[in-house]
Protein backbone atom coordinates (compact mmCIF):
# COMPACT_ATOMS: atom_id res chain seq x y z
CA MET A 1 17.25 -48.54 -11.26
CA THR A 2 21.00 -48.50 -12.63
CA LYS A 3 23.48 -46.39 -10.74
CA SER A 4 24.46 -44.70 -14.00
CA ILE A 5 20.97 -42.98 -14.42
CA PRO A 6 21.06 -39.73 -12.23
CA SER A 7 18.60 -38.80 -9.87
CA GLY A 8 16.54 -35.57 -10.55
CA PRO A 9 13.30 -34.50 -11.54
CA ARG A 10 12.53 -35.33 -15.17
CA GLU A 11 11.07 -32.70 -17.89
CA ILE A 12 9.43 -34.64 -20.60
CA LEU A 13 7.04 -33.20 -23.64
CA THR A 14 3.31 -34.59 -24.26
CA PRO A 15 1.52 -34.19 -27.52
CA TYR A 16 -1.93 -32.82 -27.91
CA ARG A 17 -4.26 -32.35 -30.20
CA PRO A 18 -5.25 -28.85 -30.98
CA ILE A 19 -8.76 -28.25 -29.14
CA PRO A 20 -11.30 -27.15 -31.76
CA LEU A 21 -12.77 -24.37 -29.75
CA THR A 22 -13.30 -20.38 -30.71
CA VAL A 23 -12.68 -18.28 -27.37
CA PRO A 24 -15.27 -15.55 -28.06
CA GLU A 25 -13.88 -12.35 -28.50
CA GLY A 26 -12.81 -10.33 -25.20
CA MET A 27 -12.85 -13.05 -23.00
CA LYS A 28 -9.55 -14.55 -21.32
CA HIS A 29 -9.17 -18.51 -21.99
CA ASN A 30 -9.36 -19.19 -18.28
CA GLU A 31 -12.45 -16.84 -17.95
CA PHE A 32 -13.84 -18.84 -21.15
CA PHE A 33 -12.76 -22.16 -19.50
CA ASN A 34 -14.86 -21.75 -16.36
CA SER A 35 -18.18 -21.44 -18.62
CA THR A 36 -20.75 -24.03 -19.16
CA GLU A 37 -20.67 -23.90 -22.57
CA ASN A 38 -16.86 -25.25 -22.61
CA LEU A 39 -17.81 -27.57 -19.76
CA ASN A 40 -20.65 -28.83 -22.48
CA ASP A 41 -17.71 -29.18 -24.97
CA LEU A 42 -15.67 -31.13 -22.45
CA VAL A 43 -18.77 -33.80 -22.02
CA HIS A 44 -19.18 -34.68 -25.76
CA ASN A 45 -16.04 -34.32 -27.53
CA ASN A 46 -13.70 -35.87 -24.43
CA GLY A 47 -16.55 -37.23 -21.88
CA LEU A 48 -16.45 -41.24 -21.13
CA LEU A 49 -18.66 -41.68 -18.49
CA MET A 50 -21.62 -39.80 -16.23
CA ASN A 51 -23.86 -40.64 -13.34
CA PRO A 52 -26.50 -39.15 -11.31
CA GLU A 53 -24.19 -37.69 -9.05
CA ASN A 54 -22.60 -35.43 -11.64
CA LEU A 55 -19.45 -37.12 -11.40
CA LEU A 56 -17.90 -36.99 -15.54
CA LEU A 57 -15.07 -39.39 -15.97
CA TYR A 58 -13.20 -38.02 -19.04
CA ARG A 59 -10.14 -37.93 -20.95
CA LYS A 60 -7.69 -35.19 -20.60
CA ALA A 61 -7.30 -33.17 -24.11
CA LEU A 62 -4.65 -31.24 -22.52
CA GLY A 63 -3.03 -34.63 -21.07
CA HIS A 64 0.20 -35.43 -18.94
CA SER A 65 0.79 -38.80 -20.35
CA THR A 66 0.07 -40.67 -23.33
CA ALA A 67 0.19 -43.82 -21.56
CA PHE A 68 -2.90 -43.87 -19.02
CA ASP A 69 -4.51 -40.21 -18.19
CA THR A 70 -7.88 -39.56 -17.08
CA SER A 71 -9.63 -37.21 -14.72
CA ILE A 72 -13.17 -36.89 -13.00
CA ILE A 73 -15.02 -33.90 -12.11
CA TYR A 74 -17.63 -32.69 -10.28
CA ASN A 75 -19.43 -31.44 -12.57
CA THR A 76 -21.50 -28.65 -11.11
CA SER A 77 -21.21 -26.03 -14.22
CA GLN A 78 -25.10 -25.73 -14.85
CA ALA A 79 -26.31 -26.15 -11.15
CA VAL A 80 -23.75 -23.69 -10.28
CA LEU A 81 -23.11 -20.77 -12.43
CA ASN A 82 -20.96 -18.84 -10.59
CA PRO A 83 -17.54 -20.34 -10.94
CA LEU A 84 -16.30 -19.22 -7.53
CA GLY A 85 -19.10 -20.97 -5.71
CA ARG A 86 -18.42 -24.18 -6.45
CA PRO A 87 -17.36 -27.12 -4.52
CA VAL A 88 -13.43 -27.34 -4.63
CA ARG A 89 -12.43 -29.68 -2.34
CA ARG A 90 -13.83 -33.16 -1.03
CA THR A 91 -14.67 -31.58 2.22
CA GLN A 92 -17.18 -29.37 0.47
CA VAL A 93 -19.19 -32.48 -1.27
CA PRO A 94 -22.10 -34.02 -0.06
CA ALA A 95 -21.42 -37.74 1.63
CA ASN A 96 -23.35 -39.50 -1.21
CA VAL A 97 -21.06 -37.94 -3.86
CA ILE A 98 -17.83 -38.85 -2.05
CA HIS A 99 -19.21 -42.28 -1.32
CA VAL A 100 -19.54 -43.07 -5.35
CA TRP A 101 -16.43 -40.84 -6.16
CA ASN A 102 -14.15 -43.10 -3.34
CA ARG A 103 -15.58 -46.21 -5.37
CA MET A 104 -14.61 -44.99 -8.92
CA ASN A 105 -11.07 -43.90 -7.26
CA GLN A 106 -10.50 -47.84 -6.47
CA ILE A 107 -11.69 -49.55 -9.42
CA ILE A 108 -9.43 -46.93 -11.59
CA ILE A 109 -6.67 -47.13 -9.23
CA ASP A 110 -6.43 -51.05 -9.31
CA TYR A 111 -6.70 -50.66 -12.86
CA MET A 112 -3.58 -48.66 -13.50
CA LEU A 113 -1.55 -51.25 -11.02
CA GLU A 114 -3.15 -54.30 -13.27
CA LEU A 115 -1.70 -52.35 -16.44
CA TYR A 116 1.76 -52.12 -14.93
CA PRO A 117 2.01 -54.53 -11.66
CA ASN A 118 5.74 -53.84 -11.74
CA PRO A 119 6.93 -50.48 -9.92
CA ASP A 120 10.21 -50.46 -11.69
CA GLU A 121 8.30 -49.93 -14.67
CA ALA A 122 5.64 -47.01 -14.51
CA LEU A 123 5.17 -44.22 -11.77
CA ILE A 124 1.46 -44.35 -11.01
CA LEU A 125 -0.18 -41.61 -9.45
CA ALA A 126 -4.02 -40.47 -8.26
CA GLY A 127 -4.96 -37.47 -6.69
CA GLU A 128 -6.25 -33.81 -6.95
CA ALA A 129 -5.01 -30.38 -6.40
CA SER A 130 -7.40 -27.66 -4.72
CA LEU A 131 -8.71 -25.00 -7.42
CA ASP A 132 -9.68 -22.70 -4.41
CA ALA A 133 -11.02 -19.09 -5.66
CA THR A 134 -8.38 -17.26 -3.84
CA TRP A 135 -6.52 -15.38 -6.54
CA PRO A 136 -8.57 -13.14 -9.56
CA LEU A 137 -9.85 -15.49 -12.68
CA THR A 138 -7.16 -13.40 -14.89
CA SER A 139 -3.89 -14.28 -12.89
CA PRO A 140 -1.36 -16.55 -14.25
CA GLY A 141 -1.59 -19.91 -12.88
CA VAL A 142 -4.89 -20.33 -11.78
CA PRO A 143 -6.56 -23.30 -12.50
CA SER A 144 -9.23 -23.39 -15.81
CA ILE A 145 -11.91 -25.31 -14.38
CA ARG A 146 -13.05 -24.07 -11.02
CA MET A 147 -14.77 -27.47 -10.07
CA LEU A 148 -13.31 -30.22 -8.01
CA HIS A 149 -11.56 -33.10 -10.28
CA ASN A 150 -8.90 -35.70 -9.61
CA HIS A 151 -6.30 -36.94 -12.08
CA PHE A 152 -4.76 -40.53 -12.66
CA ILE A 153 -1.79 -40.50 -14.76
CA ILE A 154 0.77 -43.22 -15.51
CA PHE A 155 4.32 -42.30 -16.53
CA PRO A 156 6.41 -45.45 -17.94
CA LYS A 157 9.50 -45.40 -16.21
CA ASP A 158 11.49 -45.39 -19.34
CA GLU A 159 10.06 -42.12 -20.81
CA LEU A 160 11.23 -40.66 -17.54
CA ARG A 161 14.76 -42.40 -17.67
CA SER A 162 15.18 -40.87 -20.69
CA ALA A 163 14.01 -37.44 -20.28
CA LYS A 164 15.92 -34.69 -19.66
CA LEU A 165 16.75 -33.40 -16.25
CA ALA A 166 14.64 -30.37 -14.92
CA ASP A 167 15.96 -27.21 -13.33
CA PRO A 168 15.24 -27.76 -9.71
CA ASN A 169 15.37 -24.44 -9.34
CA ASN A 170 11.53 -24.35 -11.33
CA PRO A 171 9.08 -22.05 -9.15
CA ASN A 172 7.11 -25.12 -10.27
CA LEU A 173 9.51 -27.55 -8.57
CA THR A 174 9.91 -25.57 -5.19
CA ASP A 175 6.30 -24.43 -5.04
CA GLY A 176 6.79 -20.83 -5.11
CA GLY A 177 8.59 -20.38 -1.80
CA GLN A 178 5.76 -21.65 0.41
CA HIS A 179 6.87 -24.90 0.33
CA SER A 180 10.33 -23.92 2.12
CA LEU A 181 8.21 -21.53 4.33
CA PHE A 182 6.54 -24.40 5.70
CA GLN A 183 9.36 -26.66 5.71
CA ALA A 184 12.05 -24.57 6.87
CA TYR A 185 10.28 -22.57 9.95
CA MET A 186 7.80 -24.88 10.76
CA ARG A 187 8.72 -28.60 10.24
CA GLU A 188 8.31 -30.01 13.69
CA VAL A 189 5.07 -28.23 14.69
CA TYR A 190 3.38 -29.24 10.97
CA ARG A 191 4.09 -32.97 11.76
CA GLU A 192 3.49 -32.77 15.38
CA PHE A 193 -0.30 -31.29 14.52
CA PHE A 194 -1.03 -34.57 12.10
CA ASP A 195 0.91 -36.77 14.72
CA GLN A 196 -1.48 -35.54 17.74
CA ALA A 197 -4.96 -34.47 15.43
CA LEU A 198 -4.90 -37.58 13.84
CA HIS A 199 -5.69 -40.94 15.03
CA LEU A 200 -4.56 -43.43 11.82
CA GLU A 201 -4.91 -46.87 11.89
CA ILE A 202 -4.94 -48.05 8.23
CA LEU A 203 -2.33 -45.14 7.62
CA ARG A 204 1.31 -45.63 8.50
CA PRO A 205 3.94 -42.57 8.83
CA ALA A 206 6.53 -43.05 6.11
CA SER A 207 9.91 -41.47 6.01
CA GLU A 208 11.31 -39.42 3.50
CA ALA A 209 13.39 -42.75 1.81
CA GLU A 210 10.21 -44.89 1.95
CA ALA A 211 8.51 -41.66 -0.03
CA ARG A 212 10.91 -40.78 -2.41
CA ILE A 213 10.65 -41.94 -6.10
CA GLU A 214 14.68 -42.43 -6.57
CA LEU A 215 14.51 -41.30 -10.06
CA THR A 216 13.30 -38.15 -9.87
CA GLY A 217 14.08 -37.54 -5.93
CA TYR A 218 10.79 -36.49 -5.42
CA PRO A 219 8.64 -35.61 -3.12
CA GLN A 220 10.60 -33.99 -0.89
CA GLY A 221 10.16 -32.87 3.01
CA LEU A 222 6.41 -33.93 2.89
CA PRO A 223 4.37 -35.30 5.42
CA SER A 224 3.74 -39.28 4.29
CA TRP A 225 1.93 -42.24 5.00
CA GLU A 226 2.22 -45.71 3.89
CA ILE A 227 -1.50 -47.52 3.04
CA GLN A 228 -1.08 -50.71 4.43
CA GLY A 229 -2.72 -53.67 3.32
CA GLY A 230 -1.83 -51.88 -0.20
CA ALA A 231 -4.62 -51.93 -3.10
CA ALA A 232 -6.78 -53.97 -0.91
CA ALA A 233 -6.89 -51.48 2.14
CA LEU A 234 -8.67 -48.92 -1.08
CA LYS A 235 -11.63 -51.09 -0.61
CA ASP A 236 -12.22 -50.54 2.74
CA VAL A 237 -14.07 -47.18 3.49
CA ARG A 238 -12.20 -46.81 6.42
CA PHE A 239 -9.27 -45.97 4.50
CA TRP A 240 -11.33 -42.81 2.56
CA LYS A 241 -12.10 -42.16 5.72
CA GLU A 242 -8.79 -41.46 6.66
CA TYR A 243 -7.97 -40.04 3.78
CA ASP A 244 -10.04 -37.35 4.33
CA GLU A 245 -8.91 -37.03 8.00
CA ILE A 246 -5.50 -35.67 6.49
CA LEU A 247 -7.42 -33.51 4.35
CA LYS A 248 -8.75 -31.79 7.10
CA GLY A 249 -5.76 -31.65 9.63
CA PHE A 250 -3.41 -30.02 6.49
CA ILE A 251 -7.08 -27.30 6.02
CA ASP A 252 -6.44 -26.91 9.68
CA PHE A 253 -3.44 -25.97 9.84
CA TYR A 254 -3.27 -23.92 6.55
CA ARG A 255 -6.06 -21.62 7.84
CA SER A 256 -4.84 -21.66 11.34
CA PHE A 257 -1.14 -20.29 9.70
CA PHE A 258 -2.81 -17.66 7.39
CA SER A 259 -5.41 -16.40 9.54
CA GLN A 260 -2.41 -15.54 11.94
CA VAL A 261 -0.47 -13.76 9.43
CA SER A 262 -3.87 -11.63 7.93
CA SER A 263 -4.58 -10.67 11.59
CA ARG A 264 -2.14 -10.53 15.21
CA ASN A 265 -2.92 -12.74 17.73
CA ALA A 266 -6.05 -13.99 15.72
CA PRO A 267 -8.57 -16.25 18.12
CA ILE A 268 -9.15 -19.84 16.67
CA LEU A 269 -11.08 -20.30 14.18
CA ASP A 270 -14.65 -21.38 14.63
CA ASP A 271 -15.33 -24.23 12.32
CA VAL A 272 -11.89 -25.72 12.72
CA TYR A 273 -12.01 -29.47 12.52
CA PHE A 274 -9.45 -30.51 15.27
CA PRO A 275 -9.96 -27.27 17.96
CA ALA A 276 -8.25 -29.16 20.87
CA GLN A 277 -4.76 -29.45 18.84
CA VAL A 278 -5.01 -25.96 16.92
CA GLU A 279 -5.27 -24.25 20.37
CA SER A 280 -2.88 -26.35 22.06
CA VAL A 281 -0.19 -26.88 19.42
CA LEU A 282 -0.40 -24.86 16.74
CA LEU A 283 -1.25 -21.55 18.45
CA PHE A 284 0.74 -22.09 21.69
CA ASN A 285 3.77 -22.72 19.40
CA ASN A 286 6.71 -20.17 19.30
CA ASP A 287 7.98 -21.24 15.46
CA PHE A 288 4.44 -20.84 14.36
CA MET A 289 3.77 -18.02 15.73
CA LYS A 290 6.90 -16.26 14.77
CA THR A 291 6.74 -17.61 11.35
CA ALA A 292 3.27 -15.98 11.26
CA LYS A 293 5.06 -12.85 12.50
CA LYS A 294 7.61 -12.90 9.30
CA VAL A 295 5.20 -13.67 6.72
CA ARG A 296 3.04 -11.27 7.94
CA GLU A 297 5.03 -8.50 8.01
CA HIS A 298 6.87 -9.36 4.58
CA CYS A 299 3.13 -8.68 3.26
CA ILE A 300 2.99 -5.13 4.67
CA ILE A 301 5.82 -4.03 2.57
CA ASP A 302 5.75 -6.13 -0.20
CA ALA A 303 2.84 -5.74 -2.60
CA LYS A 304 3.50 -8.62 -4.79
CA TYR A 305 4.45 -10.79 -2.29
CA ALA A 306 1.39 -10.57 -0.60
CA ASN A 307 -0.82 -10.62 -3.86
CA ALA A 308 0.89 -14.11 -4.52
CA ILE A 309 -0.38 -15.72 -1.02
CA ARG A 310 -3.00 -18.19 -1.19
CA TRP A 311 -5.23 -17.21 1.35
CA GLN A 312 -7.44 -20.38 1.63
CA PRO A 313 -6.22 -23.47 2.16
CA ALA A 314 -4.68 -24.66 -1.26
CA PHE A 315 -3.30 -28.50 -1.26
CA LYS A 316 -1.87 -31.20 -3.29
CA GLN A 317 -3.15 -34.80 -2.03
CA LEU A 318 -2.03 -37.85 -3.80
CA ILE A 319 -1.91 -41.86 -3.82
CA TYR A 320 1.14 -43.14 -5.67
CA ARG A 321 3.21 -45.94 -5.55
CA ASN A 322 6.56 -45.99 -4.33
CA ASP A 323 9.98 -47.85 -5.21
CA GLN A 324 9.17 -51.19 -3.38
CA GLY A 325 5.26 -51.14 -4.60
CA LYS A 326 3.87 -49.69 -1.61
CA LEU A 327 1.16 -47.08 -1.83
CA ILE A 328 1.86 -43.66 -0.36
CA VAL A 329 0.03 -40.75 0.62
CA THR A 330 1.16 -37.28 0.88
CA ILE A 331 0.12 -33.67 1.14
CA SER A 332 1.50 -30.04 -0.02
CA GLN A 333 0.46 -27.04 0.43
CA ASN A 334 0.15 -25.36 -3.64
CA SER A 335 1.10 -22.23 -3.24
CA ILE A 336 1.15 -21.40 -7.05
CA GLY A 337 -1.33 -23.38 -9.09
CA ASN A 338 1.88 -25.71 -10.26
CA ALA A 339 0.88 -29.16 -11.67
CA ILE A 340 0.30 -32.40 -9.55
CA THR A 341 2.48 -34.18 -11.81
CA GLU A 342 5.56 -31.43 -9.98
CA LEU A 343 5.25 -33.17 -6.55
CA LEU A 344 6.65 -36.17 -7.67
CA GLY A 345 9.29 -34.19 -9.81
CA VAL A 346 7.99 -34.38 -13.18
CA VAL A 347 7.59 -31.61 -15.25
CA VAL A 348 5.35 -31.82 -18.19
CA ASN A 349 5.74 -29.70 -21.25
CA ARG A 350 2.66 -29.88 -23.94
CA SER A 351 3.22 -29.72 -27.73
CA ALA A 352 0.53 -29.49 -29.85
CA ASP A 353 1.25 -32.15 -32.45
CA ALA A 354 -1.83 -33.95 -33.83
CA GLU A 355 0.43 -36.49 -35.85
CA ALA A 356 2.34 -37.64 -32.64
CA TYR A 357 -0.71 -38.04 -30.43
CA ALA A 358 -2.57 -40.19 -32.98
CA ARG A 359 0.56 -42.55 -32.63
CA HIS A 360 -0.67 -42.79 -28.84
CA GLU A 361 -4.19 -42.51 -29.48
CA PRO A 362 -5.31 -45.96 -29.89
CA ARG A 363 -3.95 -47.69 -26.97
CA LEU A 364 -5.05 -44.88 -24.91
CA ILE A 365 -8.83 -44.81 -25.91
CA GLN A 366 -8.80 -48.74 -25.37
CA ARG A 367 -7.32 -48.52 -21.87
CA LEU A 368 -9.79 -45.45 -20.87
CA LEU A 369 -12.83 -47.48 -22.47
CA GLU A 370 -11.29 -50.77 -20.42
CA VAL A 371 -11.42 -48.71 -17.25
CA ARG A 372 -15.28 -47.18 -18.30
CA ARG A 373 -16.65 -50.93 -18.69
CA ARG A 374 -15.81 -51.58 -15.23
CA LEU A 375 -17.10 -48.37 -13.63
CA VAL A 376 -20.23 -49.73 -15.98
CA GLU A 377 -20.34 -52.88 -14.80
CA ALA A 378 -19.98 -51.37 -10.64
CA ASP A 379 -22.96 -49.35 -11.73
CA LEU A 380 -20.77 -46.17 -10.65
CA GLY A 381 -22.62 -44.48 -14.31
CA GLU A 382 -23.28 -45.28 -17.91
CA GLY A 383 -21.17 -44.19 -20.89
CA ILE A 384 -20.82 -41.40 -23.16
CA GLY A 385 -20.36 -41.14 -26.53
CA THR A 386 -17.92 -38.61 -28.54
CA ASP A 387 -17.05 -38.94 -32.22
CA TYR A 388 -13.62 -40.54 -30.95
CA TRP A 389 -15.39 -43.66 -29.01
CA PRO A 390 -19.48 -45.17 -28.93
CA ARG A 391 -21.92 -44.99 -25.93
CA THR A 392 -21.31 -48.72 -25.02
């Protein structure tokens, strides 16, 4: 990147075709989007592939990027009608489903890296954000589809370079203040807990400089790990087990912290993954306990603040390529439902513009169908036909 281009978060405009859905009178949009009816529309109008494990690959109708943008959702809409009872993170998914999902992830990430082999050409990311049902359905910022899904996105860097700088004080970029809560008051214990609890072989701790994308200046202040072996390591089941270990460690930290916020001197939770480290590293750490006291006292006197807290684990976990072409894993607390792209400093504004979307659509669909072909070839599902593409 030339020195004349400033580093900072970028704000881009992404066109989409207006979705021809009528929300029934008396329902809010995010209530309808949780319905089985809406998920049927997702399958029939944007579905690419489905498998017996109920993993649905689909085109993002309200996308982040027109270069490449797809998701896999664990479609439990007909098996679990209660939106608040559906799995919302990988630790709640059956082992056989996770096994298939990881193979799908590996193939899609490999294809994205093949499309843009030069790290200076494109920002490539894959990951998921927690969809925990910790807020009322009608609250702003609550995810619209309460089923675990992840994202696969490519942003051409030329588009990011020419995009305007985003406001660094945008609450989505600052994670609503809780990012600074973790980093300002518990930074050392946060990292120490990961170091003590996790025994990793493929993932190596990465410095902030290694993790940061120079163009955007993000991510900022987050624990990050390099995937040793790069894309080839994604074919090793041990990597995916380590990827889940990071999530489990994060969940233990988050739940243990907010249990102390909720109840002074709360006992260790019964179902933590790393009980010895929770007890020795967290519950015996003065900074950890002082911060919980600070937040608890704030909750007692500030109803708005208390209502904004995500009491259950809320996270964003990413695999992305850094400027040197290395694959990096990072994880962040997700306090206000902000987009996964904003973890890397990309703010996406969507614009209803069918004509502009149509100019990008043929290339996008061609790429989506190619990745679908590879998944079918690997026995990871069967194609879905829509008005925009055939079943095979």
